[in-house]
Amino acid sequence: MRRPHRLPPLALAACALPAIAVALATSPASAQKIENPIAVFSGLDKITGRIIRFEAGIDETVQFGALQLTARVCYTRPPTESPNTTSFIEVDELSLDGALARTFTGWIYANSPGLNAIEHPVYDIWLVDCLSAPAAAIAEEDRGPDRDGSIAEHPLPPPRPAL
């Protein structure tokens, strides 16, 4: 029986190094994070079944029911990259006697809200998006400088003939 020919370890390393260098040179660079000043959340009140969408500025505390939420950072990726919206938040619960108790501190992800969910018996909060400006300012820009949004600019459609 004939034994297969084996390369010495040094020859194997010499063959493997160029392959590794090519693989590292062609691997995609890590995407740049875009830091945004506004985090957009949705909150569910499990008692009433209402979902409310709200914005929180970075380092600004907003209240949703008995919960006080503070967003510390909100990152997105450039439009040319795959979407990945993340935020680091702190959530405190306000008790009936006025004391605050920390219920959650950590990262939450818009594309998988259940990964690090805020565990609360009455409220659910999840990250929706990050904005570079408040939604009201964006809506104002979309209306244009010459429009005031009055009803007079939006007339009713003409009546249809009765059949």
C-alpha atoms as a PDB file:
ATOM      1  CA  MET A   1       0.000   0.000   0.000  1.00  0.00           C
ATOM      2  CA  ARG A   2       1.308   3.354  -0.961  1.00  0.00           C
ATOM      3  CA  ARG A   3       1.363   6.262   1.521  1.00  0.00           C
ATOM      4  CA  PRO A   4       0.184   9.709   0.351  1.00  0.00           C
ATOM      5  CA  HIS A   5       2.777  12.401  -0.078  1.00  0.00           C
ATOM      6  CA  ARG A   6       2.673  14.999   2.681  1.00  0.00           C
ATOM      7  CA  LEU A   7       3.876  18.572   2.507  1.00  0.00           C
ATOM      8  CA  PRO A   8       6.117  19.771   5.305  1.00  0.00           C
ATOM      9  CA  PRO A   9       4.389  22.156   7.766  1.00  0.00           C
ATOM     10  CA  LEU A  10       6.419  25.123   6.535  1.00  0.00           C
ATOM     11  CA  ALA A  11       5.248  24.559   2.954  1.00  0.00           C
ATOM     12  CA  LEU A  12       1.624  24.371   4.145  1.00  0.00           C
ATOM     13  CA  ALA A  13       2.014  27.697   5.941  1.00  0.00           C
ATOM     14  CA  ALA A  14       3.565  29.283   2.861  1.00  0.00           C
ATOM     15  CA  CYS A  15       0.551  28.184   0.772  1.00  0.00           C
ATOM     16  CA  ALA A  16      -2.016  29.256   3.373  1.00  0.00           C
ATOM     17  CA  LEU A  17      -0.682  32.760   4.044  1.00  0.00           C
ATOM     18  CA  PRO A  18      -1.493  34.221   0.583  1.00  0.00           C
ATOM     19  CA  ALA A  19      -5.002  32.739   0.749  1.00  0.00           C
ATOM     20  CA  ILE A  20      -5.603  34.309   4.163  1.00  0.00           C
ATOM     21  CA  ALA A  21      -4.252  37.670   2.988  1.00  0.00           C
ATOM     22  CA  VAL A  22      -6.621  37.662  -0.015  1.00  0.00           C
ATOM     23  CA  ALA A  23      -9.589  36.760   2.205  1.00  0.00           C
ATOM     24  CA  LEU A  24      -8.819  39.573   4.653  1.00  0.00           C
ATOM     25  CA  ALA A  25      -8.284  42.120   1.882  1.00  0.00           C
ATOM     26  CA  THR A  26     -11.654  41.339   0.254  1.00  0.00           C
ATOM     27  CA  SER A  27     -13.731  41.216   3.449  1.00  0.00           C
ATOM     28  CA  PRO A  28     -16.183  44.112   3.802  1.00  0.00           C
ATOM     29  CA  ALA A  29     -15.250  46.926   6.149  1.00  0.00           C
ATOM     30  CA  SER A  30     -17.414  47.448   9.194  1.00  0.00           C
ATOM     31  CA  ALA A  31     -20.230  49.905   8.605  1.00  0.00           C
ATOM     32  CA  GLN A  32     -20.003  53.331  10.146  1.00  0.00           C
ATOM     33  CA  LYS A  33     -22.539  54.108  12.842  1.00  0.00           C
ATOM     34  CA  ILE A  34     -24.593  57.255  12.449  1.00  0.00           C
ATOM     35  CA  GLU A  35     -25.355  58.859  15.799  1.00  0.00           C
ATOM     36  CA  ASN A  36     -28.833  60.428  15.885  1.00  0.00           C
ATOM     37  CA  PRO A  37     -30.248  62.952  18.386  1.00  0.00           C
ATOM     38  CA  ILE A  38     -33.775  61.450  18.507  1.00  0.00           C
ATOM     39  CA  ALA A  39     -34.945  57.897  19.274  1.00  0.00           C
ATOM     40  CA  VAL A  40     -38.457  56.843  18.240  1.00  0.00           C
ATOM     41  CA  PHE A  41     -40.287  54.279  20.359  1.00  0.00           C
ATOM     42  CA  SER A  42     -43.671  52.587  20.415  1.00  0.00           C
ATOM     43  CA  GLY A  43     -45.307  51.717  23.682  1.00  0.00           C
ATOM     44  CA  LEU A  44     -48.143  49.305  24.375  1.00  0.00           C
ATOM     45  CA  ASP A  45     -50.424  49.772  27.370  1.00  0.00           C
ATOM     46  CA  LYS A  46     -51.602  46.194  27.969  1.00  0.00           C
ATOM     47  CA  ILE A  47     -54.587  47.337  30.043  1.00  0.00           C
ATOM     48  CA  THR A  48     -56.162  49.589  27.399  1.00  0.00           C
ATOM     49  CA  GLY A  49     -54.578  47.923  24.365  1.00  0.00           C
ATOM     50  CA  ARG A  50     -53.433  51.295  23.004  1.00  0.00           C
ATOM     51  CA  ILE A  51     -50.138  51.672  21.172  1.00  0.00           C
ATOM     52  CA  ILE A  52     -48.516  55.087  21.375  1.00  0.00           C
ATOM     53  CA  ARG A  53     -45.573  56.256  19.277  1.00  0.00           C
ATOM     54  CA  PHE A  54     -43.286  58.762  20.988  1.00  0.00           C
ATOM     55  CA  GLU A  55     -39.897  60.393  20.544  1.00  0.00           C
ATOM     56  CA  ALA A  56     -37.130  60.770  23.110  1.00  0.00           C
ATOM     57  CA  GLY A  57     -34.165  63.057  22.675  1.00  0.00           C
ATOM     58  CA  ILE A  58     -30.781  61.708  23.703  1.00  0.00           C
ATOM     59  CA  ASP A  59     -30.313  62.110  27.478  1.00  0.00           C
ATOM     60  CA  GLU A  60     -33.941  63.327  27.764  1.00  0.00           C
ATOM     61  CA  THR A  61     -36.317  61.454  30.077  1.00  0.00           C
ATOM     62  CA  VAL A  62     -39.836  60.812  28.785  1.00  0.00           C
ATOM     63  CA  GLN A  63     -42.672  59.208  30.705  1.00  0.00           C
ATOM     64  CA  PHE A  64     -44.872  56.433  29.330  1.00  0.00           C
ATOM     65  CA  GLY A  65     -47.417  55.415  31.931  1.00  0.00           C
ATOM     66  CA  ALA A  66     -45.514  54.598  35.104  1.00  0.00           C
ATOM     67  CA  LEU A  67     -42.252  54.121  33.202  1.00  0.00           C
ATOM     68  CA  GLN A  68     -39.602  56.789  32.682  1.00  0.00           C
ATOM     69  CA  LEU A  69     -37.373  56.109  29.676  1.00  0.00           C
ATOM     70  CA  THR A  70     -34.029  57.775  28.969  1.00  0.00           C
ATOM     71  CA  ALA A  71     -32.288  57.115  25.652  1.00  0.00           C
ATOM     72  CA  ARG A  72     -28.505  57.507  25.933  1.00  0.00           C
ATOM     73  CA  VAL A  73     -27.568  56.872  22.269  1.00  0.00           C
ATOM     74  CA  CYS A  74     -29.378  55.963  19.061  1.00  0.00           C
ATOM     75  CA  TYR A  75     -27.393  54.550  16.139  1.00  0.00           C
ATOM     76  CA  THR A  76     -28.350  53.772  12.556  1.00  0.00           C
ATOM     77  CA  ARG A  77     -26.327  52.745   9.517  1.00  0.00           C
ATOM     78  CA  PRO A  78     -25.960  54.557   6.199  1.00  0.00           C
ATOM     79  CA  PRO A  79     -28.687  53.831   3.606  1.00  0.00           C
ATOM     80  CA  THR A  80     -26.194  51.834   1.536  1.00  0.00           C
ATOM     81  CA  GLU A  81     -25.729  49.295   4.360  1.00  0.00           C
ATOM     82  CA  SER A  82     -28.174  46.755   5.764  1.00  0.00           C
ATOM     83  CA  PRO A  83     -30.467  48.416   8.321  1.00  0.00           C
ATOM     84  CA  ASN A  84     -29.462  48.120  11.955  1.00  0.00           C
ATOM     85  CA  THR A  85     -31.026  50.572  14.390  1.00  0.00           C
ATOM     86  CA  THR A  86     -29.893  50.306  18.010  1.00  0.00           C
ATOM     87  CA  SER A  87     -30.332  52.346  21.145  1.00  0.00           C
ATOM     88  CA  PHE A  88     -28.978  52.182  24.679  1.00  0.00           C
ATOM     89  CA  ILE A  89     -31.752  53.020  27.126  1.00  0.00           C
ATOM     90  CA  GLU A  90     -32.496  53.165  30.817  1.00  0.00           C
ATOM     91  CA  VAL A  91     -36.013  52.522  32.117  1.00  0.00           C
ATOM     92  CA  ASP A  92     -37.201  53.371  35.613  1.00  0.00           C
ATOM     93  CA  GLU A  93     -40.583  52.567  37.150  1.00  0.00           C
ATOM     94  CA  LEU A  94     -42.324  55.193  39.236  1.00  0.00           C
ATOM     95  CA  SER A  95     -44.112  53.586  42.188  1.00  0.00           C
ATOM     96  CA  LEU A  96     -47.204  54.945  43.943  1.00  0.00           C
ATOM     97  CA  ASP A  97     -45.080  56.349  46.774  1.00  0.00           C
ATOM     98  CA  GLY A  98     -42.953  58.318  44.254  1.00  0.00           C
ATOM     99  CA  ALA A  99     -39.851  56.124  44.391  1.00  0.00           C
ATOM    100  CA  LEU A 100     -37.993  55.224  41.208  1.00  0.00           C
ATOM    101  CA  ALA A 101     -36.761  51.675  40.627  1.00  0.00           C
ATOM    102  CA  ARG A 102     -34.544  50.756  37.659  1.00  0.00           C
ATOM    103  CA  THR A 103     -36.260  48.025  35.629  1.00  0.00           C
ATOM    104  CA  PHE A 104     -34.066  47.903  32.521  1.00  0.00           C
ATOM    105  CA  THR A 105     -30.670  49.111  31.329  1.00  0.00           C
ATOM    106  CA  GLY A 106     -29.273  47.945  28.030  1.00  0.00           C
ATOM    107  CA  TRP A 107     -29.292  47.867  24.257  1.00  0.00           C
ATOM    108  CA  ILE A 108     -32.461  47.379  22.265  1.00  0.00           C
ATOM    109  CA  TYR A 109     -32.680  46.652  18.558  1.00  0.00           C
ATOM    110  CA  ALA A 110     -35.382  47.833  16.165  1.00  0.00           C
ATOM    111  CA  ASN A 111     -35.121  44.773  13.927  1.00  0.00           C
ATOM    112  CA  SER A 112     -35.612  42.323  16.828  1.00  0.00           C
ATOM    113  CA  PRO A 113     -37.653  43.964  19.601  1.00  0.00           C
ATOM    114  CA  GLY A 114     -37.984  40.737  21.582  1.00  0.00           C
ATOM    115  CA  LEU A 115     -34.237  40.216  21.953  1.00  0.00           C
ATOM    116  CA  ASN A 116     -33.821  42.497  24.967  1.00  0.00           C
ATOM    117  CA  ALA A 117     -37.402  43.295  25.841  1.00  0.00           C
ATOM    118  CA  ILE A 118     -38.440  45.488  28.699  1.00  0.00           C
ATOM    119  CA  GLU A 119     -40.177  43.074  31.048  1.00  0.00           C
ATOM    120  CA  HIS A 120     -43.138  44.820  32.634  1.00  0.00           C
ATOM    121  CA  PRO A 121     -46.593  43.457  33.474  1.00  0.00           C
ATOM    122  CA  VAL A 122     -48.476  46.517  32.155  1.00  0.00           C
ATOM    123  CA  TYR A 123     -46.251  48.171  29.515  1.00  0.00           C
ATOM    124  CA  ASP A 124     -44.182  47.092  26.525  1.00  0.00           C
ATOM    125  CA  ILE A 125     -41.739  49.494  24.868  1.00  0.00           C
ATOM    126  CA  TRP A 126     -39.763  48.842  21.711  1.00  0.00           C
ATOM    127  CA  LEU A 127     -37.454  50.841  19.452  1.00  0.00           C
ATOM    128  CA  VAL A 128     -38.854  51.851  16.074  1.00  0.00           C
ATOM    129  CA  ASP A 129     -36.279  54.180  14.527  1.00  0.00           C
ATOM    130  CA  CYS A 130     -33.752  56.961  15.055  1.00  0.00           C
ATOM    131  CA  LEU A 131     -34.239  60.428  13.578  1.00  0.00           C
ATOM    132  CA  SER A 132     -31.803  63.189  12.735  1.00  0.00           C
ATOM    133  CA  ALA A 133     -34.510  65.809  13.477  1.00  0.00           C
ATOM    134  CA  PRO A 134     -37.874  65.743  15.305  1.00  0.00           C
ATOM    135  CA  ALA A 135     -40.767  64.367  13.235  1.00  0.00           C
ATOM    136  CA  ALA A 136     -42.649  67.681  13.517  1.00  0.00           C
ATOM    137  CA  ALA A 137     -39.709  69.524  11.922  1.00  0.00           C
ATOM    138  CA  ILE A 138     -39.501  66.928   9.141  1.00  0.00           C
ATOM    139  CA  ALA A 139     -43.246  67.294   8.462  1.00  0.00           C
ATOM    140  CA  GLU A 140     -42.834  71.085   8.365  1.00  0.00           C
ATOM    141  CA  GLU A 141     -40.077  70.777   5.751  1.00  0.00           C
ATOM    142  CA  ASP A 142     -42.193  68.399   3.648  1.00  0.00           C
ATOM    143  CA  ARG A 143     -45.081  70.877   3.512  1.00  0.00           C
ATOM    144  CA  GLY A 144     -42.913  73.488   1.866  1.00  0.00           C
ATOM    145  CA  PRO A 145     -42.414  77.189   2.638  1.00  0.00           C
ATOM    146  CA  ASP A 146     -45.544  78.484   0.865  1.00  0.00           C
ATOM    147  CA  ARG A 147     -48.094  76.101   2.379  1.00  0.00           C
ATOM    148  CA  ASP A 148     -49.752  76.623   5.696  1.00  0.00           C
ATOM    149  CA  GLY A 149     -51.793  73.412   5.619  1.00  0.00           C
ATOM    150  CA  SER A 150     -55.172  75.173   5.723  1.00  0.00           C
ATOM    151  CA  ILE A 151     -58.351  73.447   4.589  1.00  0.00           C
ATOM    152  CA  ALA A 152     -58.898  76.059   1.834  1.00  0.00           C
ATOM    153  CA  GLU A 153     -55.929  74.642  -0.049  1.00  0.00           C
ATOM    154  CA  HIS A 154     -57.517  71.197  -0.073  1.00  0.00           C
ATOM    155  CA  PRO A 155     -60.946  71.624  -1.689  1.00  0.00           C
ATOM    156  CA  LEU A 156     -63.508  68.851  -1.686  1.00  0.00           C
ATOM    157  CA  PRO A 157     -63.672  66.700  -4.822  1.00  0.00           C
ATOM    158  CA  PRO A 158     -66.443  67.569  -7.291  1.00  0.00           C
ATOM    159  CA  PRO A 159     -69.748  65.811  -6.644  1.00  0.00           C
ATOM    160  CA  ARG A 160     -70.461  62.685  -8.647  1.00  0.00           C
ATOM    161  CA  PRO A 161     -73.674  62.400 -10.630  1.00  0.00           C
ATOM    162  CA  ALA A 162     -76.371  60.244  -9.059  1.00  0.00           C
ATOM    163  CA  LEU A 163     -77.220  57.062 -10.956  1.00  0.00           C
END
